[in-house]
PDB file of N, CA and C in Angstrom:
ATOM      1  N   MET A   1     -12.213  15.617  -3.600  1.00  0.00           N
ATOM      2  CA  MET A   1     -11.670  14.270  -3.616  1.00  0.00           C
ATOM      3  C   MET A   1     -12.728  13.282  -4.072  1.00  0.00           C
ATOM      4  N   ALA A   2     -12.302  12.299  -4.833  1.00  0.00           N
ATOM      5  CA  ALA A   2     -13.201  11.255  -5.297  1.00  0.00           C
ATOM      6  C   ALA A   2     -13.073  10.030  -4.397  1.00  0.00           C
ATOM      7  N   ARG A   3     -14.199   9.428  -4.101  1.00  0.00           N
ATOM      8  CA  ARG A   3     -14.232   8.187  -3.323  1.00  0.00           C
ATOM      9  C   ARG A   3     -14.536   7.060  -4.302  1.00  0.00           C
ATOM     10  N   VAL A   4     -13.616   6.079  -4.387  1.00  0.00           N
ATOM     11  CA  VAL A   4     -13.710   5.035  -5.396  1.00  0.00           C
ATOM     12  C   VAL A   4     -13.682   3.664  -4.728  1.00  0.00           C
ATOM     13  N   GLU A   5     -14.603   2.791  -5.124  1.00  0.00           N
ATOM     14  CA  GLU A   5     -14.602   1.421  -4.613  1.00  0.00           C
ATOM     15  C   GLU A   5     -13.454   0.648  -5.256  1.00  0.00           C
ATOM     16  N   ILE A   6     -12.707  -0.110  -4.425  1.00  0.00           N
ATOM     17  CA  ILE A   6     -11.568  -0.867  -4.951  1.00  0.00           C
ATOM     18  C   ILE A   6     -11.680  -2.365  -4.699  1.00  0.00           C
ATOM     19  N   GLY A   7     -12.814  -2.835  -4.180  1.00  0.00           N
ATOM     20  CA  GLY A   7     -12.986  -4.272  -4.012  1.00  0.00           C
ATOM     21  C   GLY A   7     -13.447  -4.669  -2.632  1.00  0.00           C
ATOM     22  N   SER A   8     -13.495  -5.968  -2.419  1.00  0.00           N
ATOM     23  CA  SER A   8     -13.951  -6.548  -1.157  1.00  0.00           C
ATOM     24  C   SER A   8     -12.800  -6.666  -0.170  1.00  0.00           C
ATOM     25  N   ALA A   9     -13.014  -6.198   1.038  1.00  0.00           N
ATOM     26  CA  ALA A   9     -11.992  -6.290   2.075  1.00  0.00           C
ATOM     27  C   ALA A   9     -11.695  -7.744   2.429  1.00  0.00           C
ATOM     28  N   ALA A  10     -12.683  -8.615   2.328  1.00  0.00           N
ATOM     29  CA  ALA A  10     -12.519 -10.028   2.666  1.00  0.00           C
ATOM     30  C   ALA A  10     -11.544 -10.742   1.735  1.00  0.00           C
ATOM     31  N   ARG A  11     -11.323 -10.199   0.561  1.00  0.00           N
ATOM     32  CA  ARG A  11     -10.445 -10.848  -0.417  1.00  0.00           C
ATOM     33  C   ARG A  11      -8.973 -10.516  -0.226  1.00  0.00           C
ATOM     34  N   LEU A  12      -8.678  -9.587   0.687  1.00  0.00           N
ATOM     35  CA  LEU A  12      -7.276  -9.236   0.945  1.00  0.00           C
ATOM     36  C   LEU A  12      -6.641 -10.273   1.864  1.00  0.00           C
ATOM     37  N   VAL A  13      -5.499 -10.765   1.473  1.00  0.00           N
ATOM     38  CA  VAL A  13      -4.760 -11.715   2.291  1.00  0.00           C
ATOM     39  C   VAL A  13      -3.840 -10.933   3.229  1.00  0.00           C
ATOM     40  N   GLU A  14      -3.847 -11.323   4.482  1.00  0.00           N
ATOM     41  CA  GLU A  14      -3.028 -10.648   5.481  1.00  0.00           C
ATOM     42  C   GLU A  14      -1.550 -10.680   5.092  1.00  0.00           C
ATOM     43  N   ARG A  15      -0.906  -9.506   5.153  1.00  0.00           N
ATOM     44  CA  ARG A  15       0.520  -9.298   4.925  1.00  0.00           C
ATOM     45  C   ARG A  15       0.985  -9.615   3.504  1.00  0.00           C
ATOM     46  N   LEU A  16       0.053  -9.651   2.544  1.00  0.00           N
ATOM     47  CA  LEU A  16       0.407  -9.793   1.132  1.00  0.00           C
ATOM     48  C   LEU A  16      -0.152  -8.588   0.393  1.00  0.00           C
ATOM     49  N   GLY A  17       0.663  -7.960  -0.415  1.00  0.00           N
ATOM     50  CA  GLY A  17       0.209  -6.798  -1.157  1.00  0.00           C
ATOM     51  C   GLY A  17      -0.667  -7.181  -2.336  1.00  0.00           C
ATOM     52  N   LYS A  18      -1.525  -6.251  -2.707  1.00  0.00           N
ATOM     53  CA  LYS A  18      -2.374  -6.428  -3.883  1.00  0.00           C
ATOM     54  C   LYS A  18      -2.281  -5.144  -4.698  1.00  0.00           C
ATOM     55  N   CYS A  19      -2.059  -5.281  -5.995  1.00  0.00           N
ATOM     56  CA  CYS A  19      -1.989  -4.135  -6.887  1.00  0.00           C
ATOM     57  C   CYS A  19      -3.385  -3.838  -7.431  1.00  0.00           C
ATOM     58  N   VAL A  20      -3.787  -2.572  -7.333  1.00  0.00           N
ATOM     59  CA  VAL A  20      -5.088  -2.131  -7.834  1.00  0.00           C
ATOM     60  C   VAL A  20      -4.858  -0.884  -8.688  1.00  0.00           C
ATOM     61  N   LYS A  21      -5.474  -0.855  -9.868  1.00  0.00           N
ATOM     62  CA  LYS A  21      -5.371   0.333 -10.737  1.00  0.00           C
ATOM     63  C   LYS A  21      -6.646   1.147 -10.591  1.00  0.00           C
ATOM     64  N   VAL A  22      -6.468   2.432 -10.243  1.00  0.00           N
ATOM     65  CA  VAL A  22      -7.590   3.331 -10.005  1.00  0.00           C
ATOM     66  C   VAL A  22      -7.283   4.687 -10.626  1.00  0.00           C
ATOM     67  N   GLY A  23      -8.147   5.129 -11.516  1.00  0.00           N
ATOM     68  CA  GLY A  23      -8.010   6.469 -12.089  1.00  0.00           C
ATOM     69  C   GLY A  23      -6.634   6.782 -12.638  1.00  0.00           C
ATOM     70  N   GLY A  24      -6.020   5.852 -13.352  1.00  0.00           N
ATOM     71  CA  GLY A  24      -4.708   6.079 -13.917  1.00  0.00           C
ATOM     72  C   GLY A  24      -3.566   5.908 -12.931  1.00  0.00           C
ATOM     73  N   ARG A  25      -3.885   5.513 -11.705  1.00  0.00           N
ATOM     74  CA  ARG A  25      -2.864   5.298 -10.674  1.00  0.00           C
ATOM     75  C   ARG A  25      -2.773   3.819 -10.358  1.00  0.00           C
ATOM     76  N   GLU A  26      -1.573   3.378  -9.998  1.00  0.00           N
ATOM     77  CA  GLU A  26      -1.381   2.010  -9.554  1.00  0.00           C
ATOM     78  C   GLU A  26      -1.092   2.059  -8.058  1.00  0.00           C
ATOM     79  N   LEU A  27      -1.932   1.372  -7.282  1.00  0.00           N
ATOM     80  CA  LEU A  27      -1.826   1.398  -5.825  1.00  0.00           C
ATOM     81  C   LEU A  27      -1.480   0.018  -5.283  1.00  0.00           C
ATOM     82  N   ALA A  28      -0.767  -0.001  -4.169  1.00  0.00           N
ATOM     83  CA  ALA A  28      -0.496  -1.226  -3.427  1.00  0.00           C
ATOM     84  C   ALA A  28      -1.391  -1.197  -2.193  1.00  0.00           C
ATOM     85  N   ILE A  29      -2.191  -2.246  -2.021  1.00  0.00           N
ATOM     86  CA  ILE A  29      -3.107  -2.349  -0.886  1.00  0.00           C
ATOM     87  C   ILE A  29      -2.584  -3.440   0.040  1.00  0.00           C
ATOM     88  N   PHE A  30      -2.562  -3.159   1.337  1.00  0.00           N
ATOM     89  CA  PHE A  30      -2.049  -4.109   2.324  1.00  0.00           C
ATOM     90  C   PHE A  30      -3.014  -4.252   3.497  1.00  0.00           C
ATOM     91  N   ARG A  31      -3.220  -5.504   3.957  1.00  0.00           N
ATOM     92  CA  ARG A  31      -3.924  -5.776   5.222  1.00  0.00           C
ATOM     93  C   ARG A  31      -2.853  -6.248   6.194  1.00  0.00           C
ATOM     94  N   LEU A  32      -2.684  -5.491   7.272  1.00  0.00           N
ATOM     95  CA  LEU A  32      -1.706  -5.857   8.293  1.00  0.00           C
ATOM     96  C   LEU A  32      -2.267  -6.965   9.182  1.00  0.00           C
ATOM     97  N   SER A  33      -1.414  -7.556  10.000  1.00  0.00           N
ATOM     98  CA  SER A  33      -1.827  -8.687  10.840  1.00  0.00           C
ATOM     99  C   SER A  33      -2.895  -8.307  11.864  1.00  0.00           C
ATOM    100  N   ASP A  34      -3.029  -7.016  12.168  1.00  0.00           N
ATOM    101  CA  ASP A  34      -4.072  -6.577  13.107  1.00  0.00           C
ATOM    102  C   ASP A  34      -5.380  -6.217  12.396  1.00  0.00           C
ATOM    103  N   GLY A  35      -5.436  -6.442  11.067  1.00  0.00           N
ATOM    104  CA  GLY A  35      -6.656  -6.199  10.302  1.00  0.00           C
ATOM    105  C   GLY A  35      -6.755  -4.835   9.645  1.00  0.00           C
ATOM    106  N   ARG A  36      -5.895  -3.894  10.017  1.00  0.00           N
ATOM    107  CA  ARG A  36      -5.934  -2.566   9.393  1.00  0.00           C
ATOM    108  C   ARG A  36      -5.525  -2.667   7.925  1.00  0.00           C
ATOM    109  N   ILE A  37      -6.156  -1.838   7.083  1.00  0.00           N
ATOM    110  CA  ILE A  37      -5.887  -1.849   5.651  1.00  0.00           C
ATOM    111  C   ILE A  37      -5.342  -0.483   5.232  1.00  0.00           C
ATOM    112  N   TYR A  38      -4.272  -0.517   4.441  1.00  0.00           N
ATOM    113  CA  TYR A  38      -3.615   0.704   3.976  1.00  0.00           C
ATOM    114  C   TYR A  38      -3.403   0.646   2.471  1.00  0.00           C
ATOM    115  N   ALA A  39      -3.324   1.814   1.859  1.00  0.00           N
ATOM    116  CA  ALA A  39      -3.053   1.915   0.425  1.00  0.00           C
ATOM    117  C   ALA A  39      -1.951   2.945   0.212  1.00  0.00           C
ATOM    118  N   LEU A  40      -1.036   2.623  -0.682  1.00  0.00           N
ATOM    119  CA  LEU A  40      -0.002   3.570  -1.036  1.00  0.00           C
ATOM    120  C   LEU A  40       0.366   3.413  -2.504  1.00  0.00           C
ATOM    121  N   GLU A  41       1.030   4.410  -3.000  1.00  0.00           N
ATOM    122  CA  GLU A  41       1.509   4.389  -4.373  1.00  0.00           C
ATOM    123  C   GLU A  41       2.334   3.119  -4.571  1.00  0.00           C
ATOM    124  N   ASN A  42       2.122   2.422  -5.668  1.00  0.00           N
ATOM    125  CA  ASN A  42       2.789   1.145  -5.905  1.00  0.00           C
ATOM    126  C   ASN A  42       4.122   1.324  -6.627  1.00  0.00           C
ATOM    127  N   ARG A  43       4.923   2.247  -6.141  1.00  0.00           N
ATOM    128  CA  ARG A  43       6.188   2.536  -6.812  1.00  0.00           C
ATOM    129  C   ARG A  43       7.208   3.040  -5.796  1.00  0.00           C
ATOM    130  N   CYS A  44       8.266   2.295  -5.623  1.00  0.00           N
ATOM    131  CA  CYS A  44       9.332   2.715  -4.724  1.00  0.00           C
ATOM    132  C   CYS A  44       9.984   3.983  -5.275  1.00  0.00           C
ATOM    133  N   PRO A  45      10.288   4.977  -4.422  1.00  0.00           N
ATOM    134  CA  PRO A  45      10.891   6.216  -4.917  1.00  0.00           C
ATOM    135  C   PRO A  45      12.336   6.043  -5.394  1.00  0.00           C
ATOM    136  N   HIS A  46      12.957   4.928  -5.100  1.00  0.00           N
ATOM    137  CA  HIS A  46      14.347   4.709  -5.492  1.00  0.00           C
ATOM    138  C   HIS A  46      14.469   4.350  -6.971  1.00  0.00           C
ATOM    139  N   LYS A  47      13.939   3.210  -7.376  1.00  0.00           N
ATOM    140  CA  LYS A  47      14.050   2.749  -8.763  1.00  0.00           C
ATOM    141  C   LYS A  47      12.719   2.264  -9.321  1.00  0.00           C
ATOM    142  N   GLY A  48      11.616   2.628  -8.652  1.00  0.00           N
ATOM    143  CA  GLY A  48      10.294   2.292  -9.172  1.00  0.00           C
ATOM    144  C   GLY A  48       9.841   0.870  -8.919  1.00  0.00           C
ATOM    145  N   GLY A  49      10.403   0.202  -7.930  1.00  0.00           N
ATOM    146  CA  GLY A  49      10.015  -1.177  -7.622  1.00  0.00           C
ATOM    147  C   GLY A  49       8.534  -1.312  -7.301  1.00  0.00           C
ATOM    148  N   ASP A  50       7.962  -2.445  -7.651  1.00  0.00           N
ATOM    149  CA  ASP A  50       6.545  -2.764  -7.435  1.00  0.00           C
ATOM    150  C   ASP A  50       6.340  -3.137  -5.964  1.00  0.00           C
ATOM    151  N   LEU A  51       5.863  -2.189  -5.157  1.00  0.00           N
ATOM    152  CA  LEU A  51       5.744  -2.408  -3.720  1.00  0.00           C
ATOM    153  C   LEU A  51       4.735  -3.497  -3.353  1.00  0.00           C
ATOM    154  N   SER A  52       3.736  -3.716  -4.201  1.00  0.00           N
ATOM    155  CA  SER A  52       2.755  -4.762  -3.889  1.00  0.00           C
ATOM    156  C   SER A  52       3.402  -6.144  -3.897  1.00  0.00           C
ATOM    157  N   GLN A  53       4.594  -6.266  -4.485  1.00  0.00           N
ATOM    158  CA  GLN A  53       5.329  -7.533  -4.526  1.00  0.00           C
ATOM    159  C   GLN A  53       6.371  -7.627  -3.406  1.00  0.00           C
ATOM    160  N   GLY A  54       6.432  -6.599  -2.560  1.00  0.00           N
ATOM    161  CA  GLY A  54       7.423  -6.574  -1.490  1.00  0.00           C
ATOM    162  C   GLY A  54       7.037  -7.444  -0.306  1.00  0.00           C
ATOM    163  N   ILE A  55       8.001  -7.665   0.574  1.00  0.00           N
ATOM    164  CA  ILE A  55       7.789  -8.442   1.794  1.00  0.00           C
ATOM    165  C   ILE A  55       7.294  -7.499   2.882  1.00  0.00           C
ATOM    166  N   VAL A  56       6.214  -7.896   3.561  1.00  0.00           N
ATOM    167  CA  VAL A  56       5.640  -7.094   4.633  1.00  0.00           C
ATOM    168  C   VAL A  56       6.142  -7.627   5.975  1.00  0.00           C
ATOM    169  N   SER A  57       6.615  -6.715   6.815  1.00  0.00           N
ATOM    170  CA  SER A  57       7.046  -7.048   8.169  1.00  0.00           C
ATOM    171  C   SER A  57       6.526  -5.966   9.097  1.00  0.00           C
ATOM    172  N   GLY A  58       5.608  -6.335   9.972  1.00  0.00           N
ATOM    173  CA  GLY A  58       5.001  -5.347  10.862  1.00  0.00           C
ATOM    174  C   GLY A  58       4.248  -4.316  10.046  1.00  0.00           C
ATOM    175  N   GLU A  59       4.617  -3.052  10.200  1.00  0.00           N
ATOM    176  CA  GLU A  59       3.970  -1.958   9.477  1.00  0.00           C
ATOM    177  C   GLU A  59       4.845  -1.443   8.335  1.00  0.00           C
ATOM    178  N   PHE A  60       5.725  -2.288   7.825  1.00  0.00           N
ATOM    179  CA  PHE A  60       6.644  -1.888   6.769  1.00  0.00           C
ATOM    180  C   PHE A  60       6.583  -2.864   5.597  1.00  0.00           C
ATOM    181  N   VAL A  61       6.876  -2.334   4.406  1.00  0.00           N
ATOM    182  CA  VAL A  61       7.042  -3.167   3.214  1.00  0.00           C
ATOM    183  C   VAL A  61       8.468  -2.934   2.717  1.00  0.00           C
ATOM    184  N   PHE A  62       9.113  -4.012   2.283  1.00  0.00           N
ATOM    185  CA  PHE A  62      10.465  -3.932   1.754  1.00  0.00           C
ATOM    186  C   PHE A  62      10.395  -4.032   0.241  1.00  0.00           C
ATOM    187  N   CYS A  63      10.934  -3.033  -0.448  1.00  0.00           N
ATOM    188  CA  CYS A  63      10.914  -3.009  -1.902  1.00  0.00           C
ATOM    189  C   CYS A  63      11.601  -4.265  -2.440  1.00  0.00           C
ATOM    190  N   PRO A  64      10.970  -4.939  -3.412  1.00  0.00           N
ATOM    191  CA  PRO A  64      11.560  -6.169  -3.936  1.00  0.00           C
ATOM    192  C   PRO A  64      12.826  -5.952  -4.783  1.00  0.00           C
ATOM    193  N   LEU A  65      13.094  -4.715  -5.203  1.00  0.00           N
ATOM    194  CA  LEU A  65      14.285  -4.480  -6.019  1.00  0.00           C
ATOM    195  C   LEU A  65      15.553  -4.289  -5.196  1.00  0.00           C
ATOM    196  N   HIS A  66      15.511  -3.382  -4.225  1.00  0.00           N
ATOM    197  CA  HIS A  66      16.727  -3.047  -3.481  1.00  0.00           C
ATOM    198  C   HIS A  66      16.509  -3.014  -1.974  1.00  0.00           C
ATOM    199  N   ASP A  67      15.414  -3.605  -1.510  1.00  0.00           N
ATOM    200  CA  ASP A  67      15.159  -3.802  -0.072  1.00  0.00           C
ATOM    201  C   ASP A  67      14.974  -2.515   0.728  1.00  0.00           C
ATOM    202  N   TRP A  68      14.539  -1.434   0.081  1.00  0.00           N
ATOM    203  CA  TRP A  68      14.245  -0.217   0.841  1.00  0.00           C
ATOM    204  C   TRP A  68      13.065  -0.505   1.761  1.00  0.00           C
ATOM    205  N   LYS A  69      13.142  -0.037   2.989  1.00  0.00           N
ATOM    206  CA  LYS A  69      12.108  -0.241   4.004  1.00  0.00           C
ATOM    207  C   LYS A  69      11.191   0.981   4.021  1.00  0.00           C
ATOM    208  N   ILE A  70       9.895   0.750   3.764  1.00  0.00           N
ATOM    209  CA  ILE A  70       8.935   1.849   3.636  1.00  0.00           C
ATOM    210  C   ILE A  70       7.770   1.618   4.580  1.00  0.00           C
ATOM    211  N   SER A  71       7.392   2.641   5.321  1.00  0.00           N
ATOM    212  CA  SER A  71       6.250   2.546   6.225  1.00  0.00           C
ATOM    213  C   SER A  71       4.949   2.443   5.421  1.00  0.00           C
ATOM    214  N   ILE A  72       4.181   1.435   5.711  1.00  0.00           N
ATOM    215  CA  ILE A  72       2.881   1.273   5.053  1.00  0.00           C
ATOM    216  C   ILE A  72       1.906   2.332   5.561  1.00  0.00           C
ATOM    217  N   LYS A  73       2.079   2.776   6.792  1.00  0.00           N
ATOM    218  CA  LYS A  73       1.159   3.750   7.398  1.00  0.00           C
ATOM    219  C   LYS A  73       1.313   5.157   6.832  1.00  0.00           C
ATOM    220  N   ASP A  74       2.561   5.634   6.694  1.00  0.00           N
ATOM    221  CA  ASP A  74       2.744   7.031   6.272  1.00  0.00           C
ATOM    222  C   ASP A  74       3.572   7.197   4.996  1.00  0.00           C
ATOM    223  N   GLY A  75       4.065   6.102   4.424  1.00  0.00           N
ATOM    224  CA  GLY A  75       4.798   6.162   3.172  1.00  0.00           C
ATOM    225  C   GLY A  75       6.241   6.611   3.275  1.00  0.00           C
ATOM    226  N   LYS A  76       6.749   6.834   4.479  1.00  0.00           N
ATOM    227  CA  LYS A  76       8.117   7.324   4.647  1.00  0.00           C
ATOM    228  C   LYS A  76       9.130   6.193   4.515  1.00  0.00           C
ATOM    229  N   VAL A  77      10.171   6.463   3.741  1.00  0.00           N
ATOM    230  CA  VAL A  77      11.293   5.546   3.607  1.00  0.00           C
ATOM    231  C   VAL A  77      12.120   5.647   4.884  1.00  0.00           C
ATOM    232  N   GLN A  78      12.578   4.511   5.376  1.00  0.00           N
ATOM    233  CA  GLN A  78      13.335   4.475   6.624  1.00  0.00           C
ATOM    234  C   GLN A  78      14.826   4.643   6.360  1.00  0.00           C
ATOM    235  N   ALA A  79      15.506   5.288   7.328  1.00  0.00           N
ATOM    236  CA  ALA A  79      16.954   5.521   7.245  1.00  0.00           C
ATOM    237  C   ALA A  79      17.685   4.183   7.159  1.00  0.00           C
ATOM    238  N   PRO A  80      18.798   4.138   6.464  1.00  0.00           N
ATOM    239  CA  PRO A  80      19.611   5.246   5.974  1.00  0.00           C
ATOM    240  C   PRO A  80      19.129   5.807   4.633  1.00  0.00           C
ATOM    241  N   ASP A  81      18.114   5.161   4.025  1.00  0.00           N
ATOM    242  CA  ASP A  81      17.589   5.661   2.758  1.00  0.00           C
ATOM    243  C   ASP A  81      16.641   6.825   3.036  1.00  0.00           C
ATOM    244  N   HIS A  82      16.189   7.522   1.995  1.00  0.00           N
ATOM    245  CA  HIS A  82      15.294   8.658   2.217  1.00  0.00           C
ATOM    246  C   HIS A  82      14.319   8.786   1.060  1.00  0.00           C
ATOM    247  N   GLY A  83      13.189   9.402   1.345  1.00  0.00           N
ATOM    248  CA  GLY A  83      12.148   9.607   0.353  1.00  0.00           C
ATOM    249  C   GLY A  83      10.796   9.224   0.941  1.00  0.00           C
ATOM    250  N   CYS A  84       9.775   9.219   0.100  1.00  0.00           N
ATOM    251  CA  CYS A  84       8.455   8.812   0.556  1.00  0.00           C
ATOM    252  C   CYS A  84       7.591   8.451  -0.646  1.00  0.00           C
ATOM    253  N   VAL A  85       6.515   7.731  -0.362  1.00  0.00           N
ATOM    254  CA  VAL A  85       5.516   7.417  -1.375  1.00  0.00           C
ATOM    255  C   VAL A  85       4.181   7.960  -0.887  1.00  0.00           C
ATOM    256  N   LYS A  86       3.317   8.293  -1.807  1.00  0.00           N
ATOM    257  CA  LYS A  86       2.012   8.849  -1.464  1.00  0.00           C
ATOM    258  C   LYS A  86       1.141   7.760  -0.852  1.00  0.00           C
ATOM    259  N   THR A  87       0.416   8.123   0.198  1.00  0.00           N
ATOM    260  CA  THR A  87      -0.528   7.208   0.838  1.00  0.00           C
ATOM    261  C   THR A  87      -1.953   7.675   0.547  1.00  0.00           C
ATOM    262  N   TYR A  88      -2.893   6.754   0.661  1.00  0.00           N
ATOM    263  CA  TYR A  88      -4.301   7.036   0.396  1.00  0.00           C
ATOM    264  C   TYR A  88      -5.144   6.473   1.530  1.00  0.00           C
ATOM    265  N   LYS A  89      -6.144   7.224   1.921  1.00  0.00           N
ATOM    266  CA  LYS A  89      -7.042   6.791   2.987  1.00  0.00           C
ATOM    267  C   LYS A  89      -7.969   5.697   2.464  1.00  0.00           C
ATOM    268  N   VAL A  90      -8.084   4.612   3.247  1.00  0.00           N
ATOM    269  CA  VAL A  90      -8.966   3.500   2.902  1.00  0.00           C
ATOM    270  C   VAL A  90     -10.111   3.471   3.911  1.00  0.00           C
ATOM    271  N   GLU A  91     -11.330   3.335   3.410  1.00  0.00           N
ATOM    272  CA  GLU A  91     -12.514   3.191   4.261  1.00  0.00           C
ATOM    273  C   GLU A  91     -13.184   1.866   3.934  1.00  0.00           C
ATOM    274  N   ILE A  92     -13.697   1.211   4.966  1.00  0.00           N
ATOM    275  CA  ILE A  92     -14.426  -0.041   4.791  1.00  0.00           C
ATOM    276  C   ILE A  92     -15.885   0.222   5.127  1.00  0.00           C
ATOM    277  N   GLU A  93     -16.756  -0.163   4.210  1.00  0.00           N
ATOM    278  CA  GLU A  93     -18.199   0.033   4.401  1.00  0.00           C
ATOM    279  C   GLU A  93     -18.921  -1.178   3.831  1.00  0.00           C
ATOM    280  N   ALA A  94     -19.664  -1.862   4.676  1.00  0.00           N
ATOM    281  CA  ALA A  94     -20.411  -3.060   4.259  1.00  0.00           C
ATOM    282  C   ALA A  94     -19.493  -4.069   3.556  1.00  0.00           C
ATOM    283  N   GLY A  95     -18.276  -4.230   4.078  1.00  0.00           N
ATOM    284  CA  GLY A  95     -17.340  -5.196   3.528  1.00  0.00           C
ATOM    285  C   GLY A  95     -16.594  -4.765   2.283  1.00  0.00           C
ATOM    286  N   LYS A  96     -16.914  -3.585   1.768  1.00  0.00           N
ATOM    287  CA  LYS A  96     -16.238  -3.082   0.568  1.00  0.00           C
ATOM    288  C   LYS A  96     -15.208  -2.026   0.950  1.00  0.00           C
ATOM    289  N   MET A  97     -14.118  -1.998   0.170  1.00  0.00           N
ATOM    290  CA  MET A  97     -13.069  -1.011   0.401  1.00  0.00           C
ATOM    291  C   MET A  97     -13.256   0.167  -0.533  1.00  0.00           C
ATOM    292  N   TYR A  98     -13.066   1.357   0.015  1.00  0.00           N
ATOM    293  CA  TYR A  98     -13.137   2.592  -0.756  1.00  0.00           C
ATOM    294  C   TYR A  98     -11.851   3.370  -0.492  1.00  0.00           C
ATOM    295  N   ILE A  99     -11.403   4.072  -1.515  1.00  0.00           N
ATOM    296  CA  ILE A  99     -10.186   4.872  -1.391  1.00  0.00           C
ATOM    297  C   ILE A  99     -10.512   6.315  -1.738  1.00  0.00           C
ATOM    298  N   GLN A 100      -9.860   7.229  -1.041  1.00  0.00           N
ATOM    299  CA  GLN A 100      -9.998   8.659  -1.318  1.00  0.00           C
ATOM    300  C   GLN A 100      -8.875   9.084  -2.249  1.00  0.00           C
ATOM    301  N   LEU A 101      -9.221   9.556  -3.436  1.00  0.00           N
ATOM    302  CA  LEU A 101      -8.213  10.045  -4.386  1.00  0.00           C
ATOM    303  C   LEU A 101      -8.140  11.559  -4.323  1.00  0.00           C
TER     304      LEU A 101
END
């Protein structure tokens, strides 16, 4: 696995997604209200909606295209819909964010 720097943790706005391109992948990065930071594939499994543009509520992001509810923590789509998106481990070191690819 490759460990890649993706930016400063201080620049993430709470509960707003940020799109980051890393190694040919587009990721959605989120800082939850408790300060935890998560990264997931920036593509809804339904119609490819840009998840970084979705509305964050608690530990979920709602796809901006068709309102699918997706867990930011594990990438699982919530019922009645189904599917999942890939998640990536985020590490914070000296204020910088790193992702495991």
